[in-house]
PDB file of N, CA and C in Angstrom:
ATOM      1  N   UNK A   1       9.648  -8.223  13.042  1.00  0.00           N
ATOM      2  CA  UNK A   1      10.379  -7.620  14.144  1.00  0.00           C
ATOM      3  C   UNK A   1      10.906  -6.228  13.779  1.00  0.00           C
ATOM      4  N   UNK A   2      11.304  -6.038  12.511  1.00  0.00           N
ATOM      5  CA  UNK A   2      11.829  -4.731  12.107  1.00  0.00           C
ATOM      6  C   UNK A   2      10.807  -3.624  12.324  1.00  0.00           C
ATOM      7  N   UNK A   3       9.547  -3.923  12.064  1.00  0.00           N
ATOM      8  CA  UNK A   3       8.499  -2.918  12.241  1.00  0.00           C
ATOM      9  C   UNK A   3       8.418  -2.495  13.701  1.00  0.00           C
ATOM     10  N   UNK A   4       8.475  -3.470  14.611  1.00  0.00           N
ATOM     11  CA  UNK A   4       8.427  -3.175  16.044  1.00  0.00           C
ATOM     12  C   UNK A   4       9.674  -2.402  16.481  1.00  0.00           C
ATOM     13  N   UNK A   5      10.840  -2.824  16.013  1.00  0.00           N
ATOM     14  CA  UNK A   5      12.080  -2.124  16.353  1.00  0.00           C
ATOM     15  C   UNK A   5      12.026  -0.672  15.868  1.00  0.00           C
ATOM     16  N   UNK A   6      11.549  -0.480  14.656  1.00  0.00           N
ATOM     17  CA  UNK A   6      11.459   0.869  14.097  1.00  0.00           C
ATOM     18  C   UNK A   6      10.512   1.735  14.921  1.00  0.00           C
ATOM     19  N   UNK A   7       9.379   1.174  15.327  1.00  0.00           N
ATOM     20  CA  UNK A   7       8.410   1.924  16.130  1.00  0.00           C
ATOM     21  C   UNK A   7       9.026   2.331  17.468  1.00  0.00           C
ATOM     22  N   UNK A   8       9.730   1.407  18.115  1.00  0.00           N
ATOM     23  CA  UNK A   8      10.366   1.695  19.406  1.00  0.00           C
ATOM     24  C   UNK A   8      11.378   2.832  19.263  1.00  0.00           C
ATOM     25  N   UNK A   9      12.196   2.767  18.217  1.00  0.00           N
ATOM     26  CA  UNK A   9      13.223   3.793  18.006  1.00  0.00           C
ATOM     27  C   UNK A   9      12.583   5.137  17.668  1.00  0.00           C
ATOM     28  N   UNK A  10      11.578   5.133  16.819  1.00  0.00           N
ATOM     29  CA  UNK A  10      10.887   6.388  16.497  1.00  0.00           C
ATOM     30  C   UNK A  10      10.255   6.999  17.745  1.00  0.00           C
ATOM     31  N   UNK A  11       9.657   6.152  18.606  1.00  0.00           N
ATOM     32  CA  UNK A  11       9.093   6.647  19.869  1.00  0.00           C
ATOM     33  C   UNK A  11      10.181   7.298  20.718  1.00  0.00           C
ATOM     34  N   UNK A  12      11.342   6.646  20.793  1.00  0.00           N
ATOM     35  CA  UNK A  12      12.457   7.166  21.594  1.00  0.00           C
ATOM     36  C   UNK A  12      12.919   8.529  21.061  1.00  0.00           C
ATOM     37  N   UNK A  13      13.125   8.623  19.747  1.00  0.00           N
ATOM     38  CA  UNK A  13      13.619   9.872  19.150  1.00  0.00           C
ATOM     39  C   UNK A  13      12.598  10.993  19.334  1.00  0.00           C
ATOM     40  N   UNK A  14      11.323  10.692  19.131  1.00  0.00           N
ATOM     41  CA  UNK A  14      10.289  11.715  19.323  1.00  0.00           C
ATOM     42  C   UNK A  14      10.263  12.201  20.768  1.00  0.00           C
ATOM     43  N   UNK A  15      10.388  11.275  21.717  1.00  0.00           N
ATOM     44  CA  UNK A  15      10.417  11.656  23.130  1.00  0.00           C
ATOM     45  C   UNK A  15      11.664  12.487  23.435  1.00  0.00           C
ATOM     46  N   UNK A  16      12.805  12.091  22.879  1.00  0.00           N
ATOM     47  CA  UNK A  16      14.049  12.840  23.060  1.00  0.00           C
ATOM     48  C   UNK A  16      13.867  14.280  22.587  1.00  0.00           C
ATOM     49  N   UNK A  17      13.301  14.437  21.410  1.00  0.00           N
ATOM     50  CA  UNK A  17      13.108  15.776  20.843  1.00  0.00           C
ATOM     51  C   UNK A  17      12.163  16.638  21.685  1.00  0.00           C
ATOM     52  N   UNK A  18      11.257  15.994  22.425  1.00  0.00           N
ATOM     53  CA  UNK A  18      10.298  16.712  23.289  1.00  0.00           C
ATOM     54  C   UNK A  18      10.825  16.903  24.718  1.00  0.00           C
ATOM     55  N   UNK A  19      12.053  16.439  25.004  1.00  0.00           N
ATOM     56  CA  UNK A  19      12.604  16.466  26.371  1.00  0.00           C
ATOM     57  C   UNK A  19      11.749  15.612  27.314  1.00  0.00           C
ATOM     58  N   UNK A  20      11.151  14.543  26.806  1.00  0.00           N
ATOM     59  CA  UNK A  20      10.230  13.680  27.544  1.00  0.00           C
ATOM     60  C   UNK A  20      10.982  12.429  28.013  1.00  0.00           C
ATOM     61  N   UNK A  21      11.557  12.503  29.210  1.00  0.00           N
ATOM     62  CA  UNK A  21      12.367  11.386  29.702  1.00  0.00           C
ATOM     63  C   UNK A  21      11.509  10.143  29.923  1.00  0.00           C
ATOM     64  N   UNK A  22      10.290  10.292  30.426  1.00  0.00           N
ATOM     65  CA  UNK A  22       9.412   9.131  30.601  1.00  0.00           C
ATOM     66  C   UNK A  22       9.198   8.414  29.270  1.00  0.00           C
ATOM     67  N   UNK A  23       8.990   9.171  28.211  1.00  0.00           N
ATOM     68  CA  UNK A  23       8.831   8.580  26.884  1.00  0.00           C
ATOM     69  C   UNK A  23      10.105   7.923  26.386  1.00  0.00           C
ATOM     70  N   UNK A  24      11.254   8.516  26.714  1.00  0.00           N
ATOM     71  CA  UNK A  24      12.536   7.948  26.288  1.00  0.00           C
ATOM     72  C   UNK A  24      12.777   6.582  26.923  1.00  0.00           C
ATOM     73  N   UNK A  25      12.380   6.412  28.176  1.00  0.00           N
ATOM     74  CA  UNK A  25      12.711   5.177  28.895  1.00  0.00           C
ATOM     75  C   UNK A  25      11.638   4.099  28.781  1.00  0.00           C
ATOM     76  N   UNK A  26      10.503   4.399  28.156  1.00  0.00           N
ATOM     77  CA  UNK A  26       9.393   3.443  28.166  1.00  0.00           C
ATOM     78  C   UNK A  26       9.729   2.100  27.522  1.00  0.00           C
ATOM     79  N   UNK A  27      10.672   2.060  26.574  1.00  0.00           N
ATOM     80  CA  UNK A  27      11.021   0.802  25.907  1.00  0.00           C
ATOM     81  C   UNK A  27      12.427   0.327  26.272  1.00  0.00           C
ATOM     82  N   UNK A  28      13.020   0.913  27.321  1.00  0.00           N
ATOM     83  CA  UNK A  28      14.364   0.508  27.720  1.00  0.00           C
ATOM     84  C   UNK A  28      14.300  -0.622  28.746  1.00  0.00           C
ATOM     85  N   UNK A  29      15.211  -1.566  28.613  1.00  0.00           N
ATOM     86  CA  UNK A  29      15.337  -2.691  29.538  1.00  0.00           C
ATOM     87  C   UNK A  29      15.825  -2.162  30.895  1.00  0.00           C
ATOM     88  N   UNK A  30      15.405  -2.769  32.005  1.00  0.00           N
ATOM     89  CA  UNK A  30      15.889  -2.314  33.317  1.00  0.00           C
ATOM     90  C   UNK A  30      17.419  -2.324  33.450  1.00  0.00           C
ATOM     91  N   UNK A  31      18.100  -3.177  32.692  1.00  0.00           N
ATOM     92  CA  UNK A  31      19.567  -3.267  32.755  1.00  0.00           C
ATOM     93  C   UNK A  31      20.249  -2.555  31.593  1.00  0.00           C
ATOM     94  N   UNK A  32      19.581  -1.608  30.966  1.00  0.00           N
ATOM     95  CA  UNK A  32      20.108  -0.935  29.775  1.00  0.00           C
ATOM     96  C   UNK A  32      21.497  -0.351  30.040  1.00  0.00           C
ATOM     97  N   UNK A  33      22.367  -0.500  29.038  1.00  0.00           N
ATOM     98  CA  UNK A  33      23.698   0.113  29.066  1.00  0.00           C
ATOM     99  C   UNK A  33      23.712   1.200  27.997  1.00  0.00           C
ATOM    100  N   UNK A  34      24.067   2.417  28.403  1.00  0.00           N
ATOM    101  CA  UNK A  34      24.142   3.549  27.487  1.00  0.00           C
ATOM    102  C   UNK A  34      25.577   4.033  27.408  1.00  0.00           C
ATOM    103  N   UNK A  35      26.035   4.290  26.185  1.00  0.00           N
ATOM    104  CA  UNK A  35      27.364   4.864  25.975  1.00  0.00           C
ATOM    105  C   UNK A  35      27.246   6.031  25.009  1.00  0.00           C
ATOM    106  N   UNK A  36      28.001   7.081  25.290  1.00  0.00           N
ATOM    107  CA  UNK A  36      28.130   8.202  24.371  1.00  0.00           C
ATOM    108  C   UNK A  36      29.593   8.274  23.967  1.00  0.00           C
ATOM    109  N   UNK A  37      29.850   8.107  22.669  1.00  0.00           N
ATOM    110  CA  UNK A  37      31.214   8.075  22.147  1.00  0.00           C
ATOM    111  C   UNK A  37      31.399   9.257  21.202  1.00  0.00           C
ATOM    112  N   UNK A  38      32.412  10.073  21.477  1.00  0.00           N
ATOM    113  CA  UNK A  38      32.737  11.224  20.642  1.00  0.00           C
ATOM    114  C   UNK A  38      34.181  11.097  20.182  1.00  0.00           C
ATOM    115  N   UNK A  39      34.383  11.176  18.876  1.00  0.00           N
ATOM    116  CA  UNK A  39      35.731  11.043  18.300  1.00  0.00           C
ATOM    117  C   UNK A  39      36.441   9.789  18.801  1.00  0.00           C
ATOM    118  N   UNK A  40      35.693   8.689  18.920  1.00  0.00           N
ATOM    119  CA  UNK A  40      36.274   7.414  19.317  1.00  0.00           C
ATOM    120  C   UNK A  40      36.496   7.236  20.803  1.00  0.00           C
ATOM    121  N   UNK A  41      36.171   8.237  21.604  1.00  0.00           N
ATOM    122  CA  UNK A  41      36.378   8.175  23.056  1.00  0.00           C
ATOM    123  C   UNK A  41      35.031   8.093  23.774  1.00  0.00           C
ATOM    124  N   UNK A  42      34.902   7.134  24.697  1.00  0.00           N
ATOM    125  CA  UNK A  42      33.689   7.041  25.495  1.00  0.00           C
ATOM    126  C   UNK A  42      33.705   8.150  26.534  1.00  0.00           C
ATOM    127  N   UNK A  43      32.765   9.079  26.406  1.00  0.00           N
ATOM    128  CA  UNK A  43      32.698  10.213  27.319  1.00  0.00           C
ATOM    129  C   UNK A  43      31.731   9.988  28.457  1.00  0.00           C
ATOM    130  N   UNK A  44      30.761   9.110  28.240  1.00  0.00           N
ATOM    131  CA  UNK A  44      29.743   8.859  29.249  1.00  0.00           C
ATOM    132  C   UNK A  44      29.272   7.429  29.090  1.00  0.00           C
ATOM    133  N   UNK A  45      29.098   6.746  30.208  1.00  0.00           N
ATOM    134  CA  UNK A  45      28.514   5.411  30.186  1.00  0.00           C
ATOM    135  C   UNK A  45      27.648   5.256  31.424  1.00  0.00           C
ATOM    136  N   UNK A  46      26.436   4.724  31.230  1.00  0.00           N
ATOM    137  CA  UNK A  46      25.559   4.424  32.356  1.00  0.00           C
ATOM    138  C   UNK A  46      25.139   2.969  32.260  1.00  0.00           C
ATOM    139  N   UNK A  47      24.828   2.395  33.413  1.00  0.00           N
ATOM    140  CA  UNK A  47      24.324   1.022  33.472  1.00  0.00           C
ATOM    141  C   UNK A  47      23.080   1.014  34.338  1.00  0.00           C
ATOM    142  N   UNK A  48      21.994   0.503  33.775  1.00  0.00           N
ATOM    143  CA  UNK A  48      20.731   0.424  34.493  1.00  0.00           C
ATOM    144  C   UNK A  48      19.822   1.603  34.190  1.00  0.00           C
ATOM    145  N   UNK A  49      18.538   1.340  34.307  1.00  0.00           N
ATOM    146  CA  UNK A  49      17.526   2.352  33.986  1.00  0.00           C
ATOM    147  C   UNK A  49      17.598   3.586  34.898  1.00  0.00           C
ATOM    148  N   UNK A  50      17.790   3.431  36.210  1.00  0.00           N
ATOM    149  CA  UNK A  50      17.874   4.642  37.051  1.00  0.00           C
ATOM    150  C   UNK A  50      19.019   5.572  36.639  1.00  0.00           C
ATOM    151  N   UNK A  51      20.173   5.009  36.305  1.00  0.00           N
ATOM    152  CA  UNK A  51      21.319   5.836  35.893  1.00  0.00           C
ATOM    153  C   UNK A  51      21.048   6.510  34.555  1.00  0.00           C
ATOM    154  N   UNK A  52      20.409   5.785  33.622  1.00  0.00           N
ATOM    155  CA  UNK A  52      20.065   6.387  32.334  1.00  0.00           C
ATOM    156  C   UNK A  52      19.101   7.550  32.545  1.00  0.00           C
ATOM    157  N   UNK A  53      18.075   7.309  33.349  1.00  0.00           N
ATOM    158  CA  UNK A  53      17.071   8.352  33.608  1.00  0.00           C
ATOM    159  C   UNK A  53      17.731   9.585  34.226  1.00  0.00           C
ATOM    160  N   UNK A  54      18.633   9.379  35.173  1.00  0.00           N
ATOM    161  CA  UNK A  54      19.299  10.500  35.836  1.00  0.00           C
ATOM    162  C   UNK A  54      20.098  11.339  34.839  1.00  0.00           C
ATOM    163  N   UNK A  55      20.883  10.684  33.964  1.00  0.00           N
ATOM    164  CA  UNK A  55      21.673  11.456  32.997  1.00  0.00           C
ATOM    165  C   UNK A  55      20.771  12.132  31.978  1.00  0.00           C
ATOM    166  N   UNK A  56      19.667  11.501  31.598  1.00  0.00           N
ATOM    167  CA  UNK A  56      18.740  12.112  30.639  1.00  0.00           C
ATOM    168  C   UNK A  56      18.093  13.360  31.240  1.00  0.00           C
ATOM    169  N   UNK A  57      17.745  13.295  32.522  1.00  0.00           N
ATOM    170  CA  UNK A  57      17.174  14.471  33.197  1.00  0.00           C
ATOM    171  C   UNK A  57      18.205  15.594  33.275  1.00  0.00           C
ATOM    172  N   UNK A  58      19.454  15.254  33.601  1.00  0.00           N
ATOM    173  CA  UNK A  58      20.507  16.264  33.685  1.00  0.00           C
ATOM    174  C   UNK A  58      20.776  16.896  32.324  1.00  0.00           C
ATOM    175  N   UNK A  59      20.771  16.088  31.265  1.00  0.00           N
ATOM    176  CA  UNK A  59      21.097  16.578  29.921  1.00  0.00           C
ATOM    177  C   UNK A  59      20.068  17.590  29.422  1.00  0.00           C
ATOM    178  N   UNK A  60      18.836  17.505  29.917  1.00  0.00           N
ATOM    179  CA  UNK A  60      17.791  18.432  29.469  1.00  0.00           C
ATOM    180  C   UNK A  60      18.164  19.885  29.732  1.00  0.00           C
ATOM    181  N   UNK A  61      18.898  20.144  30.805  1.00  0.00           N
ATOM    182  CA  UNK A  61      19.203  21.525  31.188  1.00  0.00           C
ATOM    183  C   UNK A  61      20.194  22.199  30.246  1.00  0.00           C
ATOM    184  N   UNK A  62      20.921  21.425  29.442  1.00  0.00           N
ATOM    185  CA  UNK A  62      21.959  21.996  28.583  1.00  0.00           C
ATOM    186  C   UNK A  62      21.415  22.623  27.300  1.00  0.00           C
ATOM    187  N   UNK A  63      20.179  22.286  26.934  1.00  0.00           N
ATOM    188  CA  UNK A  63      19.633  22.734  25.651  1.00  0.00           C
ATOM    189  C   UNK A  63      18.269  23.379  25.830  1.00  0.00           C
ATOM    190  N   UNK A  64      18.035  24.461  25.102  1.00  0.00           N
ATOM    191  CA  UNK A  64      16.708  25.064  25.069  1.00  0.00           C
ATOM    192  C   UNK A  64      15.884  24.450  23.940  1.00  0.00           C
ATOM    193  N   UNK A  65      16.564  23.870  22.979  1.00  0.00           N
ATOM    194  CA  UNK A  65      15.928  23.191  21.841  1.00  0.00           C
ATOM    195  C   UNK A  65      16.897  22.112  21.377  1.00  0.00           C
ATOM    196  N   UNK A  66      16.363  20.959  20.997  1.00  0.00           N
ATOM    197  CA  UNK A  66      17.205  19.914  20.414  1.00  0.00           C
ATOM    198  C   UNK A  66      16.359  19.055  19.493  1.00  0.00           C
ATOM    199  N   UNK A  67      17.006  18.555  18.446  1.00  0.00           N
ATOM    200  CA  UNK A  67      16.276  17.745  17.474  1.00  0.00           C
ATOM    201  C   UNK A  67      17.206  16.744  16.826  1.00  0.00           C
ATOM    202  N   UNK A  68      16.825  15.478  16.929  1.00  0.00           N
ATOM    203  CA  UNK A  68      17.492  14.423  16.177  1.00  0.00           C
ATOM    204  C   UNK A  68      16.588  14.058  15.010  1.00  0.00           C
ATOM    205  N   UNK A  69      17.184  13.946  13.827  1.00  0.00           N
ATOM    206  CA  UNK A  69      16.456  13.534  12.629  1.00  0.00           C
ATOM    207  C   UNK A  69      17.123  12.284  12.085  1.00  0.00           C
ATOM    208  N   UNK A  70      16.347  11.231  11.905  1.00  0.00           N
ATOM    209  CA  UNK A  70      16.880   9.979  11.370  1.00  0.00           C
ATOM    210  C   UNK A  70      17.037  10.118   9.865  1.00  0.00           C
ATOM    211  N   UNK A  71      18.246   9.821   9.363  1.00  0.00           N
ATOM    212  CA  UNK A  71      18.511   9.937   7.924  1.00  0.00           C
ATOM    213  C   UNK A  71      18.699   8.578   7.251  1.00  0.00           C
ATOM    214  N   UNK A  72      18.958   7.513   8.027  1.00  0.00           N
ATOM    215  CA  UNK A  72      19.138   6.178   7.440  1.00  0.00           C
ATOM    216  C   UNK A  72      18.946   5.119   8.523  1.00  0.00           C
ATOM    217  N   UNK A  73      18.531   3.937   8.076  1.00  0.00           N
ATOM    218  CA  UNK A  73      18.302   2.791   8.961  1.00  0.00           C
ATOM    219  C   UNK A  73      19.114   1.599   8.468  1.00  0.00           C
ATOM    220  N   UNK A  74      19.646   0.792   9.399  1.00  0.00           N
ATOM    221  CA  UNK A  74      20.275  -0.490   9.065  1.00  0.00           C
ATOM    222  C   UNK A  74      19.847  -1.509  10.119  1.00  0.00           C
ATOM    223  N   UNK A  75      19.195  -2.576   9.657  1.00  0.00           N
ATOM    224  CA  UNK A  75      18.704  -3.623  10.549  1.00  0.00           C
ATOM    225  C   UNK A  75      19.586  -4.854  10.415  1.00  0.00           C
ATOM    226  N   UNK A  76      19.992  -5.425  11.554  1.00  0.00           N
ATOM    227  CA  UNK A  76      20.801  -6.641  11.560  1.00  0.00           C
ATOM    228  C   UNK A  76      20.440  -7.454  12.801  1.00  0.00           C
ATOM    229  N   UNK A  77      19.429  -8.300  12.671  1.00  0.00           N
ATOM    230  CA  UNK A  77      18.986  -9.111  13.803  1.00  0.00           C
ATOM    231  C   UNK A  77      18.475  -8.250  14.939  1.00  0.00           C
ATOM    232  N   UNK A  78      19.112  -8.391  16.111  1.00  0.00           N
ATOM    233  CA  UNK A  78      18.698  -7.639  17.298  1.00  0.00           C
ATOM    234  C   UNK A  78      19.293  -6.235  17.354  1.00  0.00           C
ATOM    235  N   UNK A  79      20.081  -5.864  16.345  1.00  0.00           N
ATOM    236  CA  UNK A  79      20.770  -4.572  16.349  1.00  0.00           C
ATOM    237  C   UNK A  79      20.246  -3.685  15.228  1.00  0.00           C
ATOM    238  N   UNK A  80      19.930  -2.450  15.580  1.00  0.00           N
ATOM    239  CA  UNK A  80      19.480  -1.466  14.597  1.00  0.00           C
ATOM    240  C   UNK A  80      20.379  -0.240  14.731  1.00  0.00           C
ATOM    241  N   UNK A  81      20.952   0.180  13.607  1.00  0.00           N
ATOM    242  CA  UNK A  81      21.794   1.369  13.573  1.00  0.00           C
ATOM    243  C   UNK A  81      21.073   2.441  12.776  1.00  0.00           C
ATOM    244  N   UNK A  82      20.966   3.615  13.368  1.00  0.00           N
ATOM    245  CA  UNK A  82      20.377   4.742  12.648  1.00  0.00           C
ATOM    246  C   UNK A  82      21.437   5.820  12.476  1.00  0.00           C
ATOM    247  N   UNK A  83      21.412   6.448  11.319  1.00  0.00           N
ATOM    248  CA  UNK A  83      22.230   7.635  11.079  1.00  0.00           C
ATOM    249  C   UNK A  83      21.362   8.827  11.454  1.00  0.00           C
ATOM    250  N   UNK A  84      21.959   9.791  12.128  1.00  0.00           N
ATOM    251  CA  UNK A  84      21.175  10.943  12.568  1.00  0.00           C
ATOM    252  C   UNK A  84      21.878  12.256  12.252  1.00  0.00           C
ATOM    253  N   UNK A  85      21.056  13.266  12.050  1.00  0.00           N
ATOM    254  CA  UNK A  85      21.510  14.654  12.063  1.00  0.00           C
ATOM    255  C   UNK A  85      20.979  15.242  13.358  1.00  0.00           C
ATOM    256  N   UNK A  86      21.822  15.984  14.045  1.00  0.00           N
ATOM    257  CA  UNK A  86      21.472  16.547  15.340  1.00  0.00           C
ATOM    258  C   UNK A  86      21.659  18.053  15.309  1.00  0.00           C
ATOM    259  N   UNK A  87      20.695  18.742  15.893  1.00  0.00           N
ATOM    260  CA  UNK A  87      20.810  20.188  16.060  1.00  0.00           C
ATOM    261  C   UNK A  87      20.254  20.540  17.431  1.00  0.00           C
ATOM    262  N   UNK A  88      21.012  21.342  18.157  1.00  0.00           N
ATOM    263  CA  UNK A  88      20.554  21.774  19.469  1.00  0.00           C
ATOM    264  C   UNK A  88      21.008  23.186  19.765  1.00  0.00           C
ATOM    265  N   UNK A  89      20.158  23.941  20.442  1.00  0.00           N
ATOM    266  CA  UNK A  89      20.524  25.291  20.862  1.00  0.00           C
ATOM    267  C   UNK A  89      20.856  25.240  22.351  1.00  0.00           C
ATOM    268  N   UNK A  90      22.058  25.687  22.682  1.00  0.00           N
ATOM    269  CA  UNK A  90      22.532  25.623  24.058  1.00  0.00           C
ATOM    270  C   UNK A  90      21.762  26.572  24.974  1.00  0.00           C
ATOM    271  N   UNK A  91      21.471  26.084  26.173  1.00  0.00           N
ATOM    272  CA  UNK A  91      20.819  26.900  27.193  1.00  0.00           C
ATOM    273  C   UNK A  91      21.832  27.413  28.211  1.00  0.00           C
ATOM    274  N   UNK A  92      23.041  26.849  28.190  1.00  0.00           N
ATOM    275  CA  UNK A  92      24.089  27.221  29.152  1.00  0.00           C
ATOM    276  C   UNK A  92      25.421  27.338  28.422  1.00  0.00           C
ATOM    277  N   UNK A  93      26.358  28.049  29.033  1.00  0.00           N
ATOM    278  CA  UNK A  93      27.727  28.095  28.516  1.00  0.00           C
ATOM    279  C   UNK A  93      28.409  26.763  28.825  1.00  0.00           C
ATOM    280  N   UNK A  94      29.224  26.277  27.883  1.00  0.00           N
ATOM    281  CA  UNK A  94      29.956  25.028  28.074  1.00  0.00           C
ATOM    282  C   UNK A  94      31.445  25.310  28.267  1.00  0.00           C
ATOM    283  N   UNK A  95      32.156  24.400  28.949  1.00  0.00           N
ATOM    284  CA  UNK A  95      33.591  24.603  29.191  1.00  0.00           C
ATOM    285  C   UNK A  95      34.428  24.683  27.909  1.00  0.00           C
ATOM    286  N   UNK A  96      33.916  24.135  26.806  1.00  0.00           N
ATOM    287  CA  UNK A  96      34.688  24.140  25.551  1.00  0.00           C
ATOM    288  C   UNK A  96      34.595  25.473  24.797  1.00  0.00           C
ATOM    289  N   UNK A  97      33.921  26.464  25.391  1.00  0.00           N
ATOM    290  CA  UNK A  97      33.848  27.782  24.767  1.00  0.00           C
ATOM    291  C   UNK A  97      32.522  28.091  24.103  1.00  0.00           C
ATOM    292  N   UNK A  98      31.684  27.080  23.870  1.00  0.00           N
ATOM    293  CA  UNK A  98      30.359  27.344  23.307  1.00  0.00           C
ATOM    294  C   UNK A  98      29.512  28.071  24.345  1.00  0.00           C
ATOM    295  N   UNK A  99      28.688  28.989  23.857  1.00  0.00           N
ATOM    296  CA  UNK A  99      27.907  29.855  24.741  1.00  0.00           C
ATOM    297  C   UNK A  99      26.412  29.570  24.622  1.00  0.00           C
ATOM    298  N   UNK A 100      25.682  29.919  25.665  1.00  0.00           N
ATOM    299  CA  UNK A 100      24.225  29.821  25.628  1.00  0.00           C
ATOM    300  C   UNK A 100      23.721  30.576  24.407  1.00  0.00           C
ATOM    301  N   UNK A 101      22.804  29.961  23.679  1.00  0.00           N
ATOM    302  CA  UNK A 101      22.280  30.554  22.453  1.00  0.00           C
ATOM    303  C   UNK A 101      22.963  30.036  21.203  1.00  0.00           C
ATOM    304  N   UNK A 102      24.192  29.487  21.346  1.00  0.00           N
ATOM    305  CA  UNK A 102      24.887  28.902  20.194  1.00  0.00           C
ATOM    306  C   UNK A 102      24.147  27.654  19.723  1.00  0.00           C
ATOM    307  N   UNK A 103      24.217  27.388  18.429  1.00  0.00           N
ATOM    308  CA  UNK A 103      23.608  26.194  17.859  1.00  0.00           C
ATOM    309  C   UNK A 103      24.689  25.163  17.586  1.00  0.00           C
ATOM    310  N   UNK A 104      24.446  23.968  18.058  1.00  0.00           N
ATOM    311  CA  UNK A 104      25.353  22.842  17.873  1.00  0.00           C
ATOM    312  C   UNK A 104      24.760  21.935  16.806  1.00  0.00           C
ATOM    313  N   UNK A 105      25.551  21.613  15.780  1.00  0.00           N
ATOM    314  CA  UNK A 105      25.091  20.715  14.712  1.00  0.00           C
ATOM    315  C   UNK A 105      26.084  19.567  14.584  1.00  0.00           C
ATOM    316  N   UNK A 106      25.564  18.345  14.581  1.00  0.00           N
ATOM    317  CA  UNK A 106      26.393  17.145  14.472  1.00  0.00           C
ATOM    318  C   UNK A 106      25.710  16.129  13.575  1.00  0.00           C
ATOM    319  N   UNK A 107      26.512  15.257  13.018  1.00  0.00           N
ATOM    320  CA  UNK A 107      25.990  14.048  12.387  1.00  0.00           C
ATOM    321  C   UNK A 107      26.587  12.883  13.153  1.00  0.00           C
ATOM    322  N   UNK A 108      25.842  11.818  13.246  1.00  0.00           N
ATOM    323  CA  UNK A 108      26.342  10.668  13.977  1.00  0.00           C
ATOM    324  C   UNK A 108      25.450   9.474  13.763  1.00  0.00           C
ATOM    325  N   UNK A 109      25.590   8.525  14.661  1.00  0.00           N
ATOM    326  CA  UNK A 109      24.742   7.346  14.593  1.00  0.00           C
ATOM    327  C   UNK A 109      24.423   6.883  16.007  1.00  0.00           C
ATOM    328  N   UNK A 110      23.298   6.210  16.096  1.00  0.00           N
ATOM    329  CA  UNK A 110      22.886   5.569  17.337  1.00  0.00           C
ATOM    330  C   UNK A 110      22.676   4.098  17.035  1.00  0.00           C
ATOM    331  N   UNK A 111      23.207   3.255  17.913  1.00  0.00           N
ATOM    332  CA  UNK A 111      23.092   1.806  17.761  1.00  0.00           C
ATOM    333  C   UNK A 111      22.224   1.291  18.904  1.00  0.00           C
ATOM    334  N   UNK A 112      21.100   0.694  18.541  1.00  0.00           N
ATOM    335  CA  UNK A 112      20.156   0.131  19.502  1.00  0.00           C
ATOM    336  C   UNK A 112      20.261  -1.389  19.445  1.00  0.00           C
ATOM    337  N   UNK A 113      20.472  -2.027  20.592  1.00  0.00           N
ATOM    338  CA  UNK A 113      20.491  -3.487  20.671  1.00  0.00           C
ATOM    339  C   UNK A 113      19.263  -3.905  21.473  1.00  0.00           C
ATOM    340  N   UNK A 114      18.476  -4.804  20.887  1.00  0.00           N
ATOM    341  CA  UNK A 114      17.221  -5.229  21.493  1.00  0.00           C
ATOM    342  C   UNK A 114      17.363  -6.575  22.182  1.00  0.00           C
ATOM    343  N   UNK A 115      16.653  -6.705  23.288  1.00  0.00           N
ATOM    344  CA  UNK A 115      16.406  -7.995  23.924  1.00  0.00           C
ATOM    345  C   UNK A 115      14.894  -8.110  23.984  1.00  0.00           C
ATOM    346  N   UNK A 116      14.352  -8.938  23.112  1.00  0.00           N
ATOM    347  CA  UNK A 116      12.902  -8.976  22.969  1.00  0.00           C
ATOM    348  C   UNK A 116      12.421  -7.660  22.385  1.00  0.00           C
ATOM    349  N   UNK A 117      11.467  -7.034  23.073  1.00  0.00           N
ATOM    350  CA  UNK A 117      10.915  -5.759  22.599  1.00  0.00           C
ATOM    351  C   UNK A 117      11.509  -4.556  23.328  1.00  0.00           C
ATOM    352  N   UNK A 118      12.564  -4.796  24.114  1.00  0.00           N
ATOM    353  CA  UNK A 118      13.173  -3.706  24.873  1.00  0.00           C
ATOM    354  C   UNK A 118      14.602  -3.455  24.407  1.00  0.00           C
ATOM    355  N   UNK A 119      15.042  -2.219  24.569  1.00  0.00           N
ATOM    356  CA  UNK A 119      16.415  -1.842  24.229  1.00  0.00           C
ATOM    357  C   UNK A 119      17.296  -2.161  25.431  1.00  0.00           C
ATOM    358  N   UNK A 120      18.275  -3.053  25.229  1.00  0.00           N
ATOM    359  CA  UNK A 120      19.197  -3.458  26.288  1.00  0.00           C
ATOM    360  C   UNK A 120      20.501  -2.663  26.230  1.00  0.00           C
ATOM    361  N   UNK A 121      20.814  -2.112  25.055  1.00  0.00           N
ATOM    362  CA  UNK A 121      22.029  -1.301  24.906  1.00  0.00           C
ATOM    363  C   UNK A 121      21.776  -0.206  23.880  1.00  0.00           C
ATOM    364  N   UNK A 122      22.294   0.976  24.170  1.00  0.00           N
ATOM    365  CA  UNK A 122      22.178   2.127  23.273  1.00  0.00           C
ATOM    366  C   UNK A 122      23.518   2.846  23.265  1.00  0.00           C
ATOM    367  N   UNK A 123      24.085   2.989  22.072  1.00  0.00           N
ATOM    368  CA  UNK A 123      25.356   3.686  21.922  1.00  0.00           C
ATOM    369  C   UNK A 123      25.178   4.824  20.935  1.00  0.00           C
ATOM    370  N   UNK A 124      25.475   6.037  21.382  1.00  0.00           N
ATOM    371  CA  UNK A 124      25.463   7.220  20.518  1.00  0.00           C
ATOM    372  C   UNK A 124      26.895   7.526  20.116  1.00  0.00           C
ATOM    373  N   UNK A 125      27.112   7.709  18.808  1.00  0.00           N
ATOM    374  CA  UNK A 125      28.452   8.008  18.294  1.00  0.00           C
ATOM    375  C   UNK A 125      28.404   9.286  17.467  1.00  0.00           C
ATOM    376  N   UNK A 126      29.366  10.175  17.714  1.00  0.00           N
ATOM    377  CA  UNK A 126      29.464  11.392  16.904  1.00  0.00           C
ATOM    378  C   UNK A 126      30.921  11.741  16.707  1.00  0.00           C
TER     379      UNK A 126
END
């Protein structure tokens, strides 16, 4: 099962890096729950594939380039946690003062919970 989980996650990350929303959602469960947590606060949560797809399409406009690199894996039954390094170049000015052209660098983790061969929950933490 770990091999299949790893393949699904690698497919997702590669699609994310290409801004390929269809590729990102190909292994997501129709009832997928997505959360984005920054500094311990949930900033975004979606429920269901249509809501995930909508936020993924919207998020594409914020970056001219983005790349997640997996630095570590942890497998625990139906849950896989990856450590990631993230780099993205902004395409728009943000309310926090970052400007278009600025490079954003973060480290964080993504937690994927599987139901069968599909991701039922995805939590990004930074």
